[in-house]
Each structure stands twice: as structure tokens, then as C-alpha cells.
């Protein structure tokens, strides 16, 4: 995930990934100019967050619902124990 601490959408998406216990790498584009350039190259836009998935697809500024749907589609949500 390419983002910045001042970006509300980044904070929200990062919190969702943390809450869902999804493993991810966070790259602060404010701290790394090459990362900023890479995020722009991936998405073709200067918007963040840019969230890249193992299959090389990506989402830019996703809603929580869109991000959750993509995580399910990509089979990236950790399995949970049955309550039975």
C-alpha cells in the first residue's frame, strides 16, 4: 500500500487492513520519492492510497466495501476459527 500519514483515505484503508488482520507492506510516499513515482506509474494518477495486490491489480482510493470485496476476491482475508 502506497500512502501518506496525512491522507484520510490512507489512514482509513490502513485501519481496515489492520482490523481484518491482512498482511501488507505500507510505503510512505512522503518519505520515499521513488515510491511516490512508482505509485503514480502504477495508477496513472497522483491519488493515494494505491493498494497493489499479489496478482498486480490495484485499487486507488477504494471505499472500505470495495477494498473488502477485493480482499475476498483475491482470497487474502485470513481464515477464522469456526464458532461451533
Protein backbone atom coordinates (compact mmCIF):
# COMPACT_ATOMS: atom_id res chain seq x y z
CA UNK A 1 0.00 0.00 0.00
CA UNK A 2 1.39 3.37 -1.04
CA UNK A 3 0.13 6.15 1.20
CA UNK A 4 0.92 9.05 3.49
CA UNK A 5 0.07 9.76 7.14
CA UNK A 6 -1.78 13.00 6.29
CA UNK A 7 -4.13 11.23 3.83
CA UNK A 8 -7.51 10.40 5.36
CA UNK A 9 -8.28 7.67 2.80
CA UNK A 10 -4.87 6.10 3.51
CA UNK A 11 -5.48 6.11 7.26
CA UNK A 12 -8.92 4.55 6.74
CA UNK A 13 -7.69 1.83 4.35
CA UNK A 14 -4.71 1.04 6.57
CA UNK A 15 -7.01 0.74 9.59
CA UNK A 16 -9.29 -1.64 7.68
CA UNK A 17 -6.37 -3.85 6.65
CA UNK A 18 -5.14 -3.88 10.25
CA UNK A 19 -8.61 -4.63 11.62
CA UNK A 20 -9.04 -7.51 9.15
CA UNK A 21 -5.54 -8.77 10.02
CA UNK A 22 -4.38 -8.68 6.41
CA UNK A 23 -0.61 -8.75 5.94
CA UNK A 24 0.56 -5.81 3.86
CA UNK A 25 3.54 -3.55 3.32
CA UNK A 26 2.98 0.16 3.89
CA UNK A 27 5.13 2.54 1.86
CA UNK A 28 5.07 6.21 2.91
CA UNK A 29 5.34 8.21 -0.31
CA UNK A 30 6.33 11.32 1.67
CA UNK A 31 9.46 9.53 2.87
CA UNK A 32 10.47 7.99 -0.45
CA UNK A 33 10.28 9.99 -3.70
CA UNK A 34 10.89 6.83 -5.76
CA UNK A 35 7.88 5.21 -4.08
CA UNK A 36 5.77 8.25 -4.96
CA UNK A 37 6.86 7.98 -8.58
CA UNK A 38 6.13 4.24 -8.57
CA UNK A 39 2.62 4.77 -7.15
CA UNK A 40 1.94 7.30 -9.92
CA UNK A 41 3.35 4.92 -12.54
CA UNK A 42 1.12 2.09 -11.29
CA UNK A 43 -2.12 4.06 -11.18
CA UNK A 44 -1.51 6.80 -13.72
CA UNK A 45 -2.78 9.25 -11.10
CA UNK A 46 -1.41 11.27 -8.21
CA UNK A 47 -4.07 9.93 -5.84
CA UNK A 48 -3.36 7.75 -2.81
CA UNK A 49 -3.73 5.22 -1.41
CA UNK A 50 -2.64 2.91 -4.18
CA UNK A 51 -3.12 -0.65 -2.96
CA UNK A 52 -1.38 -3.28 -5.09
CA UNK A 53 -2.38 -6.94 -4.86
CA UNK A 54 -0.28 -10.08 -5.48
CA UNK A 55 -1.82 -10.50 -8.94
CA UNK A 56 -0.58 -6.98 -9.87
CA UNK A 57 -4.08 -5.50 -9.87
CA UNK A 58 -4.56 -2.38 -7.79
CA UNK A 59 -7.14 -0.08 -6.26
CA UNK A 60 -6.85 3.69 -5.88
CA UNK A 61 -8.75 5.42 -3.08
CA UNK A 62 -11.06 2.44 -2.53
CA UNK A 63 -14.06 2.54 -0.24
CA UNK A 64 -13.97 0.07 2.64
CA UNK A 65 -16.57 -2.03 0.81
CA UNK A 66 -14.56 -2.09 -2.44
CA UNK A 67 -11.37 -2.96 -0.59
CA UNK A 68 -13.07 -5.73 1.40
CA UNK A 69 -14.63 -7.15 -1.80
CA UNK A 70 -11.21 -7.18 -3.48
CA UNK A 71 -9.62 -8.89 -0.47
CA UNK A 72 -12.30 -11.59 -0.61
CA UNK A 73 -11.92 -11.96 -4.38
CA UNK A 74 -8.13 -12.27 -4.02
CA UNK A 75 -8.51 -14.74 -1.13
CA UNK A 76 -6.39 -12.50 1.12
CA UNK A 77 -8.50 -12.47 4.25
CA UNK A 78 -7.08 -14.73 6.94
CA UNK A 79 -9.25 -17.71 7.80
CA UNK A 80 -11.22 -17.51 11.01
CA UNK A 81 -11.98 -20.21 13.52
CA UNK A 82 -15.48 -21.65 13.45
CA UNK A 83 -17.70 -20.60 16.34
CA UNK A 84 -19.25 -24.09 16.51
